[in-house]
Protein backbone atom coordinates (compact mmCIF):
# COMPACT_ATOMS: atom_id res chain seq x y z
CA MET A 1 122.52 122.70 89.09
CA GLU A 2 120.53 122.70 92.64
CA VAL A 3 118.78 119.53 93.35
CA PRO A 4 115.31 119.86 94.49
CA ALA A 5 114.50 118.65 97.79
CA SER A 6 112.36 115.72 98.24
CA PRO A 7 108.78 116.47 99.07
CA ARG A 8 107.96 115.76 102.92
CA PRO A 9 105.12 113.24 103.32
CA SER A 10 102.39 114.02 106.01
CA VAL A 11 103.48 112.19 109.21
CA PRO A 12 100.19 110.34 109.81
CA LEU A 13 100.54 108.78 106.31
CA LYS A 14 104.10 107.86 106.75
CA MET A 15 103.27 106.23 110.17
CA LEU A 16 100.56 104.57 108.62
CA LEU A 17 102.78 102.86 105.91
CA LEU A 18 105.18 102.00 108.88
CA HIS A 19 102.67 100.56 111.05
CA ARG A 20 103.15 96.82 112.00
CA PHE A 21 99.81 96.04 110.51
CA ALA A 22 100.26 97.89 107.17
CA LYS A 23 101.70 94.89 105.31
CA PRO A 24 99.12 92.53 106.65
CA VAL A 25 96.26 94.83 105.68
CA ALA A 26 97.97 95.46 102.06
CA PHE A 27 98.22 91.63 101.99
CA GLY A 28 94.43 91.09 102.72
CA LEU A 29 93.49 93.61 100.45
CA SER A 30 95.59 92.03 97.77
CA LEU A 31 93.78 89.02 98.19
CA LEU A 32 90.13 90.16 97.83
CA PRO A 33 89.91 89.89 94.18
CA PHE A 34 90.91 86.37 94.52
CA GLY A 35 88.27 85.87 97.26
CA TRP A 36 85.66 87.40 95.13
CA LEU A 37 86.60 85.00 91.85
CA LEU A 38 86.54 81.99 94.32
CA TYR A 39 83.19 82.93 95.87
CA ALA A 40 81.78 83.71 92.15
CA ALA A 41 82.91 80.32 91.21
CA ILE A 42 81.43 78.63 94.03
CA PHE A 43 78.06 80.19 93.95
CA ASP A 44 77.77 80.19 90.03
CA GLN A 45 78.11 84.10 89.81
CA LEU A 46 80.41 84.07 86.96
CA GLY A 47 77.86 84.56 84.24
CA ALA A 48 77.12 82.70 80.93
CA ASN A 49 80.66 81.80 80.48
CA PRO A 50 82.49 81.14 83.69
CA THR A 51 85.64 80.18 81.78
CA GLU A 52 86.13 83.14 79.89
CA ALA A 53 85.32 85.40 83.00
CA LEU A 54 88.07 83.52 85.13
CA ILE A 55 90.68 83.90 82.27
CA ARG A 56 89.76 87.58 81.63
CA SER A 57 89.38 88.62 85.36
CA THR A 58 92.80 86.74 86.32
CA GLY A 59 94.62 88.66 83.48
CA ASP A 60 93.01 91.83 84.29
CA TRP A 61 94.14 91.74 87.91
CA THR A 62 97.65 90.49 86.79
CA LEU A 63 98.00 93.98 84.80
CA ARG A 64 96.74 95.92 87.52
CA PHE A 65 99.12 94.74 90.04
CA LEU A 66 101.86 95.05 87.30
CA CYS A 67 100.88 98.81 87.34
CA LEU A 68 100.90 98.96 90.88
CA VAL A 69 104.52 97.58 90.98
CA LEU A 70 105.61 99.91 88.87
CA ALA A 71 103.92 102.75 90.28
CA VAL A 72 105.89 102.20 93.80
CA THR A 73 109.00 104.09 92.82
CA PRO A 74 107.48 107.08 91.09
CA LEU A 75 105.20 107.67 94.24
CA ARG A 76 107.95 107.05 96.74
CA VAL A 77 109.90 109.76 94.89
CA MET A 78 107.48 112.34 94.30
CA ALA A 79 105.55 111.97 97.27
CA GLY A 80 108.69 111.21 99.74
CA LEU A 81 107.10 108.00 100.97
CA SER A 82 110.11 105.96 101.22
CA ALA A 83 108.01 103.61 103.35
CA LEU A 84 106.17 102.58 100.17
CA ALA A 85 109.37 100.34 99.15
CA ARG A 86 108.55 97.83 101.71
CA PHE A 87 105.48 96.71 99.92
CA ARG A 88 107.23 96.35 96.30
CA ARG A 89 108.20 92.86 97.05
CA MET A 90 104.94 91.64 98.36
CA LEU A 91 102.92 93.55 95.35
CA GLY A 92 105.50 91.81 92.87
CA LEU A 93 104.60 88.30 94.27
CA PHE A 94 101.16 89.19 93.65
CA VAL A 95 101.66 89.99 90.17
CA TYR A 96 102.81 86.46 89.86
CA PHE A 97 100.12 84.97 91.94
CA TYR A 98 97.39 86.29 89.68
CA ALA A 99 99.55 85.52 86.68
CA VAL A 100 99.46 81.79 87.94
CA LEU A 101 95.78 81.79 88.41
CA HIS A 102 95.57 83.41 84.87
CA LEU A 103 97.45 80.37 83.31
CA LEU A 104 95.61 77.65 85.55
CA SER A 105 92.32 78.98 84.38
CA TYR A 106 93.62 78.86 80.68
CA SER A 107 95.15 75.69 81.21
CA GLY A 108 92.69 73.94 83.31
CA PHE A 109 89.10 75.33 82.39
CA ASP A 110 89.72 76.02 78.75
CA MET A 111 92.32 73.15 77.72
CA ALA A 112 91.45 70.61 80.57
CA PHE A 113 95.54 70.32 81.11
CA ASP A 114 95.77 68.78 78.07
CA LEU A 115 99.65 69.46 77.86
CA SER A 116 100.03 68.65 73.85
CA ALA A 117 96.89 70.78 73.25
CA ILE A 118 98.61 73.70 75.16
CA VAL A 119 101.83 73.40 73.46
CA GLN A 120 100.25 73.52 69.99
CA ASP A 121 98.15 76.13 71.00
CA ILE A 122 100.96 78.53 72.18
CA LEU A 123 102.84 77.70 68.87
CA LYS A 124 99.82 78.57 66.90
CA ARG A 125 98.45 81.71 68.45
CA PRO A 126 100.81 84.58 68.83
CA PHE A 127 98.93 86.25 71.78
CA ILE A 128 99.18 83.00 73.71
CA LEU A 129 102.88 82.71 72.99
CA VAL A 130 103.47 86.44 74.10
CA GLY A 131 101.55 85.76 77.16
CA PHE A 132 103.20 82.63 78.24
CA SER A 133 106.68 84.49 77.19
CA ALA A 134 105.56 87.01 79.70
CA PHE A 135 104.99 84.30 82.54
CA VAL A 136 108.38 82.71 82.02
CA TRP A 137 109.98 85.78 82.63
CA LEU A 138 107.78 86.56 85.55
CA THR A 139 108.65 83.32 87.19
CA LEU A 140 112.25 83.93 86.81
CA LEU A 141 111.63 87.56 88.58
CA ALA A 142 109.48 85.54 91.42
CA LEU A 143 112.20 83.10 91.89
CA THR A 144 114.77 85.69 92.36
CA SER A 145 112.77 88.25 94.56
CA PHE A 146 114.10 86.99 97.89
CA ASN A 147 117.13 88.20 99.83
CA ARG A 148 119.30 84.97 99.30
CA ALA A 149 118.98 85.70 95.55
CA ILE A 150 119.95 89.11 96.07
CA LYS A 151 123.23 87.95 97.79
CA ALA A 152 123.95 85.18 95.43
CA LEU A 153 123.37 87.36 92.36
CA GLY A 154 124.95 90.54 93.65
CA ALA A 155 123.07 93.81 94.03
CA LYS A 156 123.83 95.15 90.64
CA ARG A 157 123.23 92.01 88.71
CA TRP A 158 119.86 91.51 90.51
CA GLN A 159 118.98 95.01 89.56
CA LEU A 160 119.90 94.33 86.08
CA LEU A 161 117.62 91.02 85.83
CA HIS A 162 114.83 92.80 87.52
CA LYS A 163 114.83 95.38 84.80
CA LEU A 164 113.04 92.65 82.94
CA VAL A 165 109.62 93.66 84.58
CA TYR A 166 109.55 96.39 81.97
CA GLY A 167 109.81 93.80 79.12
CA VAL A 168 107.13 91.84 80.97
CA ALA A 169 104.85 94.88 81.17
CA GLY A 170 105.43 95.30 77.15
CA LEU A 171 104.53 91.65 76.49
CA ALA A 172 101.48 91.77 78.86
CA LEU A 173 100.23 94.85 76.82
CA LEU A 174 100.70 93.28 73.59
CA HIS A 175 99.07 89.91 74.95
CA PHE A 176 96.10 91.83 76.02
CA PHE A 177 96.00 93.93 72.79
CA TRP A 178 95.89 90.80 70.96
CA MET A 179 93.37 89.11 72.74
CA ARG A 180 91.05 92.49 72.44
CA ALA A 181 91.60 92.92 69.06
CA GLY A 182 89.39 89.76 68.11
CA LYS A 183 86.71 91.42 69.77
CA ASN A 184 87.59 95.06 68.32
CA ASN A 185 87.70 96.34 71.85
CA PHE A 186 90.46 98.39 72.53
CA THR A 187 89.34 100.80 75.28
CA GLU A 188 90.92 99.10 78.31
CA VAL A 189 94.15 98.31 76.11
CA PHE A 190 94.15 102.04 75.81
CA VAL A 191 93.77 102.76 79.47
CA TYR A 192 96.60 100.40 80.86
CA ALA A 193 98.80 101.59 77.80
CA ALA A 194 98.73 105.00 78.96
CA ILE A 195 99.40 103.98 82.73
CA LEU A 196 102.40 101.61 81.62
CA LEU A 197 103.86 104.37 79.34
CA SER A 198 103.42 107.15 81.87
CA LEU A 199 105.19 105.02 84.66
CA LEU A 200 108.03 104.00 82.03
CA GLY A 201 108.09 107.84 80.87
CA TRP A 202 108.66 108.96 84.59
CA ARG A 203 111.64 106.52 84.89
CA LEU A 204 113.36 107.45 81.75
CA VAL A 205 113.06 111.25 82.55
CA ASN A 206 114.33 110.52 85.96
CA PHE A 207 117.04 108.55 84.77
CA TYR A 208 118.53 111.17 82.45
CA ARG A 209 118.01 113.81 84.98
CA LYS A 210 120.13 111.78 87.31
CA LYS A 211 122.81 111.25 84.58
CA SER A 212 122.77 115.42 83.80
CA ARG A 213 123.47 116.15 87.37
CA GLN A 214 126.33 113.74 87.54
CA GLY A 215 127.62 115.11 84.17
């Protein structure tokens, strides 16, 4: 069976992605949500419940960046933009950055960094346990996201380990679902679920197509 040719990206877009300022610009844009939250916290713009606003917003941005990371490969393949791969590690670390802010917002503003109370809360409330489990997995991925880790583990083991990102996505979505279940508000949950399932579905279809070509 003939393998369809990869689409050719527009030259200006390819050049833009490869520009030496492309990554600094992407880095700056990725920091904008943090900058806004910092501004809003300093100038009392977080509403009547600042703690809830910080926890919710940092959690939302963690999910959004997770969706971006998982979208890199499908966009790279479908649009023929191989240069997108150079942004994947940075976006992955921003997933962890916003996850850390999410955990700190919960631990500091909601639990006053009371370790025993935090442990009890994790064990008592399933959605907190699921969220914390996702954070532990994310920590493992962040710690092994550098070239030295790839060399130490070997490419195949490293790739296998980093497939945990799919488990992280599932746990993050379940965490978000249970959190919204208390308020019976599932609209955003369905949006994120549709995005993540679409991205995962694309990878599964692509995997089986490759296997069928090899067979």
